[in-house]
Amino acid sequence: MVPEPTESFHNLSEAIREEFLLEAVGRPVFHLTLAGWHPSELDRIEQTFRVRYADQLPIEAQATDISLYERVGQMWVQDSEFPLCMTERRKG
C-alpha cells in the first residue's frame, strides 16, 4: 500500500540525501507491507484481505515516525527509528 500523497515523503528523503551528501539511486518506494510470506501465497492473501477489508479502504493514518531498515542477508532488519515532528495545520 502506497501512502498518498507521497510528495512529503519524497521531500524528506531528498533533504536527507542533501544533508548527508548521499548518492541518489532513484526515488525510494514508500509503502506499507501487509504480507511478507512466500510469493506463492501472496495472491491468496491479497484475495482474503480484499474480501475482509474492502469496505474499510482506503486506510486513513498519519505517519508519526520513520524506520530505517537494512538488508542483512535475505532479511530486512530495523536499524533505526526517527520520530517525525508533527505540526497542526492551520485552516484558512
N, C-alpha and C. Protein backbone atom coordinates (compact mmCIF):
# COMPACT_ATOMS: atom_id res chain seq x y z
N MET A 1 0.85 -1.16 0.00
CA MET A 1 0.00 0.00 0.00
C MET A 1 0.90 1.22 0.00
N VAL A 2 0.61 2.14 -0.87
CA VAL A 2 1.42 3.34 -1.03
C VAL A 2 0.73 4.52 -0.34
N PRO A 3 1.47 5.31 0.46
CA PRO A 3 0.84 6.48 1.10
C PRO A 3 0.51 7.54 0.06
N GLU A 4 -0.59 8.24 0.28
CA GLU A 4 -0.97 9.34 -0.61
C GLU A 4 -1.28 10.55 0.25
N PRO A 5 -0.81 11.70 -0.08
CA PRO A 5 0.16 11.96 -1.15
C PRO A 5 1.57 11.54 -0.73
N THR A 6 2.42 11.23 -1.68
CA THR A 6 3.78 10.77 -1.38
C THR A 6 4.79 11.90 -1.39
N GLU A 7 4.42 13.06 -1.87
CA GLU A 7 5.39 14.14 -2.07
C GLU A 7 6.12 14.53 -0.79
N SER A 8 5.44 14.59 0.36
CA SER A 8 6.12 14.98 1.59
C SER A 8 7.19 13.95 1.98
N PHE A 9 6.92 12.67 1.70
CA PHE A 9 7.92 11.64 1.98
C PHE A 9 9.12 11.78 1.04
N HIS A 10 8.85 12.09 -0.22
CA HIS A 10 9.94 12.28 -1.18
C HIS A 10 10.77 13.53 -0.82
N ASN A 11 10.10 14.59 -0.38
CA ASN A 11 10.83 15.80 0.04
C ASN A 11 11.74 15.49 1.22
N LEU A 12 11.25 14.72 2.19
CA LEU A 12 12.05 14.33 3.34
C LEU A 12 13.25 13.50 2.90
N SER A 13 13.03 12.55 2.02
CA SER A 13 14.11 11.71 1.52
C SER A 13 15.17 12.55 0.81
N GLU A 14 14.74 13.51 0.01
CA GLU A 14 15.69 14.37 -0.71
C GLU A 14 16.48 15.24 0.26
N ALA A 15 15.83 15.75 1.29
CA ALA A 15 16.53 16.58 2.29
C ALA A 15 17.60 15.75 3.01
N ILE A 16 17.29 14.49 3.31
CA ILE A 16 18.26 13.62 3.98
C ILE A 16 19.46 13.38 3.06
N ARG A 17 19.18 13.13 1.78
CA ARG A 17 20.27 12.93 0.82
C ARG A 17 21.18 14.15 0.74
N GLU A 18 20.58 15.32 0.67
CA GLU A 18 21.37 16.56 0.57
C GLU A 18 22.17 16.81 1.85
N GLU A 19 21.56 16.61 3.00
CA GLU A 19 22.22 16.85 4.28
C GLU A 19 23.44 15.96 4.47
N PHE A 20 23.31 14.71 4.09
CA PHE A 20 24.38 13.76 4.33
C PHE A 20 25.18 13.41 3.07
N LEU A 21 24.96 14.20 2.01
CA LEU A 21 25.68 14.04 0.75
C LEU A 21 25.61 12.60 0.24
N LEU A 22 24.41 12.04 0.27
CA LEU A 22 24.21 10.67 -0.19
C LEU A 22 23.94 10.66 -1.69
N GLU A 23 24.41 9.63 -2.34
CA GLU A 23 24.19 9.48 -3.78
C GLU A 23 22.73 9.09 -4.03
N ALA A 24 22.12 9.75 -4.98
CA ALA A 24 20.74 9.42 -5.34
C ALA A 24 20.76 8.16 -6.20
N VAL A 25 19.99 7.17 -5.79
CA VAL A 25 19.95 5.91 -6.52
C VAL A 25 18.54 5.70 -7.09
N GLY A 26 17.82 6.77 -7.30
CA GLY A 26 16.44 6.68 -7.73
C GLY A 26 15.52 7.06 -6.59
N ARG A 27 14.25 7.24 -6.91
CA ARG A 27 13.27 7.59 -5.88
C ARG A 27 12.90 6.36 -5.08
N PRO A 28 12.92 6.46 -3.75
CA PRO A 28 12.53 5.31 -2.94
C PRO A 28 11.03 5.04 -3.09
N VAL A 29 10.63 3.83 -2.83
CA VAL A 29 9.22 3.45 -2.88
C VAL A 29 8.73 3.35 -1.44
N PHE A 30 7.98 4.36 -1.02
CA PHE A 30 7.43 4.37 0.33
C PHE A 30 6.19 3.49 0.32
N HIS A 31 6.09 2.60 1.30
CA HIS A 31 4.98 1.66 1.29
C HIS A 31 4.75 1.06 2.68
N LEU A 32 3.62 0.43 2.80
CA LEU A 32 3.26 -0.34 3.98
C LEU A 32 3.18 -1.79 3.54
N THR A 33 3.94 -2.65 4.18
CA THR A 33 3.93 -4.06 3.83
C THR A 33 2.85 -4.77 4.62
N LEU A 34 1.95 -5.43 3.94
CA LEU A 34 0.87 -6.15 4.60
C LEU A 34 1.16 -7.63 4.72
N ALA A 35 2.02 -8.15 3.86
CA ALA A 35 2.31 -9.59 3.89
C ALA A 35 3.77 -9.81 3.52
N GLY A 36 4.41 -10.70 4.22
CA GLY A 36 5.80 -11.00 3.93
C GLY A 36 6.02 -12.48 3.70
N TRP A 37 4.96 -13.18 3.34
CA TRP A 37 5.05 -14.62 3.15
C TRP A 37 5.65 -14.97 1.80
N HIS A 38 5.75 -16.23 1.58
CA HIS A 38 6.29 -16.74 0.33
C HIS A 38 5.45 -16.21 -0.84
N PRO A 39 6.10 -15.83 -1.94
CA PRO A 39 5.38 -15.26 -3.09
C PRO A 39 4.20 -16.10 -3.60
N SER A 40 4.29 -17.41 -3.47
CA SER A 40 3.19 -18.25 -3.96
C SER A 40 1.91 -18.06 -3.15
N GLU A 41 2.03 -17.50 -1.95
CA GLU A 41 0.87 -17.27 -1.08
C GLU A 41 0.26 -15.89 -1.24
N LEU A 42 0.95 -14.98 -1.94
CA LEU A 42 0.50 -13.58 -1.97
C LEU A 42 -0.85 -13.39 -2.65
N ASP A 43 -1.14 -14.11 -3.72
CA ASP A 43 -2.44 -13.96 -4.38
C ASP A 43 -3.58 -14.34 -3.44
N ARG A 44 -3.41 -15.44 -2.72
CA ARG A 44 -4.43 -15.88 -1.78
C ARG A 44 -4.59 -14.87 -0.64
N ILE A 45 -3.47 -14.35 -0.15
CA ILE A 45 -3.50 -13.37 0.94
C ILE A 45 -4.20 -12.09 0.48
N GLU A 46 -3.86 -11.62 -0.72
CA GLU A 46 -4.49 -10.41 -1.26
C GLU A 46 -5.99 -10.61 -1.40
N GLN A 47 -6.42 -11.73 -1.94
CA GLN A 47 -7.84 -12.00 -2.12
C GLN A 47 -8.56 -12.02 -0.77
N THR A 48 -7.98 -12.69 0.21
CA THR A 48 -8.58 -12.74 1.54
C THR A 48 -8.68 -11.34 2.15
N PHE A 49 -7.62 -10.54 1.99
CA PHE A 49 -7.62 -9.17 2.52
C PHE A 49 -8.73 -8.35 1.87
N ARG A 50 -8.84 -8.43 0.55
CA ARG A 50 -9.88 -7.65 -0.15
C ARG A 50 -11.28 -8.05 0.28
N VAL A 51 -11.52 -9.35 0.46
CA VAL A 51 -12.85 -9.82 0.88
C VAL A 51 -13.17 -9.30 2.28
N ARG A 52 -12.20 -9.38 3.19
CA ARG A 52 -12.45 -9.00 4.58
C ARG A 52 -12.47 -7.49 4.81
N TYR A 53 -11.64 -6.73 4.07
CA TYR A 53 -11.43 -5.33 4.43
C TYR A 53 -11.76 -4.31 3.34
N ALA A 54 -12.31 -4.74 2.21
CA ALA A 54 -12.59 -3.82 1.11
C ALA A 54 -13.45 -2.64 1.54
N ASP A 55 -14.41 -2.89 2.43
CA ASP A 55 -15.30 -1.81 2.85
C ASP A 55 -14.62 -0.84 3.83
N GLN A 56 -13.40 -1.13 4.26
CA GLN A 56 -12.67 -0.26 5.19
C GLN A 56 -11.54 0.51 4.50
N LEU A 57 -11.44 0.39 3.17
CA LEU A 57 -10.39 1.08 2.42
C LEU A 57 -10.91 2.39 1.88
N PRO A 58 -10.12 3.41 1.68
CA PRO A 58 -8.69 3.44 1.98
C PRO A 58 -8.45 3.59 3.49
N ILE A 59 -7.30 3.14 3.92
CA ILE A 59 -6.90 3.27 5.32
C ILE A 59 -6.43 4.70 5.54
N GLU A 60 -6.97 5.35 6.55
CA GLU A 60 -6.54 6.71 6.87
C GLU A 60 -5.67 6.65 8.11
N ALA A 61 -4.44 7.18 7.99
CA ALA A 61 -3.50 7.16 9.10
C ALA A 61 -2.53 8.32 8.94
N GLN A 62 -1.80 8.60 9.97
CA GLN A 62 -0.80 9.66 9.95
C GLN A 62 0.54 9.07 10.37
N ALA A 63 1.57 9.35 9.58
CA ALA A 63 2.91 8.86 9.91
C ALA A 63 3.46 9.67 11.08
N THR A 64 3.90 8.98 12.13
CA THR A 64 4.46 9.66 13.30
C THR A 64 5.95 9.39 13.47
N ASP A 65 6.44 8.36 12.75
CA ASP A 65 7.87 8.08 12.79
C ASP A 65 8.26 7.33 11.52
N ILE A 66 9.54 7.29 11.28
CA ILE A 66 10.08 6.60 10.11
C ILE A 66 11.11 5.60 10.60
N SER A 67 11.06 4.41 10.05
CA SER A 67 12.03 3.37 10.41
C SER A 67 12.98 3.15 9.23
N LEU A 68 14.24 3.02 9.56
CA LEU A 68 15.26 2.72 8.56
C LEU A 68 15.61 1.25 8.67
N TYR A 69 15.47 0.53 7.57
CA TYR A 69 15.78 -0.90 7.54
C TYR A 69 17.01 -1.15 6.69
N GLU A 70 17.78 -2.13 7.08
CA GLU A 70 18.98 -2.52 6.36
C GLU A 70 18.84 -3.98 5.98
N ARG A 71 19.24 -4.29 4.76
CA ARG A 71 19.18 -5.68 4.32
C ARG A 71 20.39 -6.43 4.88
N VAL A 72 20.12 -7.49 5.61
CA VAL A 72 21.15 -8.35 6.19
C VAL A 72 20.89 -9.75 5.67
N GLY A 73 21.71 -10.19 4.73
CA GLY A 73 21.47 -11.49 4.10
C GLY A 73 20.17 -11.44 3.32
N GLN A 74 19.25 -12.33 3.65
CA GLN A 74 17.95 -12.40 2.98
C GLN A 74 16.84 -11.67 3.74
N MET A 75 17.19 -11.01 4.85
CA MET A 75 16.18 -10.38 5.69
C MET A 75 16.40 -8.87 5.77
N TRP A 76 15.31 -8.15 6.03
CA TRP A 76 15.39 -6.72 6.33
C TRP A 76 15.32 -6.57 7.84
N VAL A 77 16.28 -5.83 8.42
CA VAL A 77 16.37 -5.65 9.86
C VAL A 77 16.28 -4.16 10.17
N GLN A 78 15.44 -3.80 11.16
CA GLN A 78 15.31 -2.40 11.53
C GLN A 78 16.62 -1.91 12.13
N ASP A 79 17.15 -0.84 11.56
CA ASP A 79 18.40 -0.25 12.01
C ASP A 79 18.14 0.91 12.97
N SER A 80 17.20 1.78 12.62
CA SER A 80 16.93 2.98 13.41
C SER A 80 15.47 3.38 13.27
N GLU A 81 15.02 4.21 14.20
CA GLU A 81 13.67 4.76 14.15
C GLU A 81 13.77 6.25 14.45
N PHE A 82 13.05 7.06 13.66
CA PHE A 82 13.12 8.51 13.79
C PHE A 82 11.72 9.08 13.95
N PRO A 83 11.45 9.82 15.04
CA PRO A 83 10.14 10.45 15.18
C PRO A 83 10.01 11.63 14.21
N LEU A 84 8.82 11.83 13.71
CA LEU A 84 8.54 12.97 12.84
C LEU A 84 7.96 14.08 13.68
N CYS A 85 8.34 15.30 13.39
CA CYS A 85 7.79 16.46 14.08
C CYS A 85 6.47 16.80 13.41
N MET A 86 5.39 16.59 14.10
CA MET A 86 4.08 16.85 13.52
C MET A 86 3.59 18.21 13.99
N THR A 87 3.18 19.03 13.05
CA THR A 87 2.62 20.34 13.40
C THR A 87 1.18 20.36 12.94
N GLU A 88 0.37 21.05 13.71
CA GLU A 88 -1.04 21.15 13.36
C GLU A 88 -1.18 22.11 12.18
N ARG A 89 -1.94 21.69 11.18
CA ARG A 89 -2.15 22.55 10.02
C ARG A 89 -3.16 23.63 10.34
N ARG A 90 -2.87 24.82 9.87
CA ARG A 90 -3.81 25.93 10.07
C ARG A 90 -4.84 25.93 8.96
N LYS A 91 -6.07 26.19 9.33
CA LYS A 91 -7.13 26.28 8.33
C LYS A 91 -7.27 27.72 7.91
N GLY A 92 -7.58 27.87 6.60
CA GLY A 92 -7.86 29.22 6.11
C GLY A 92 -6.80 29.86 5.41
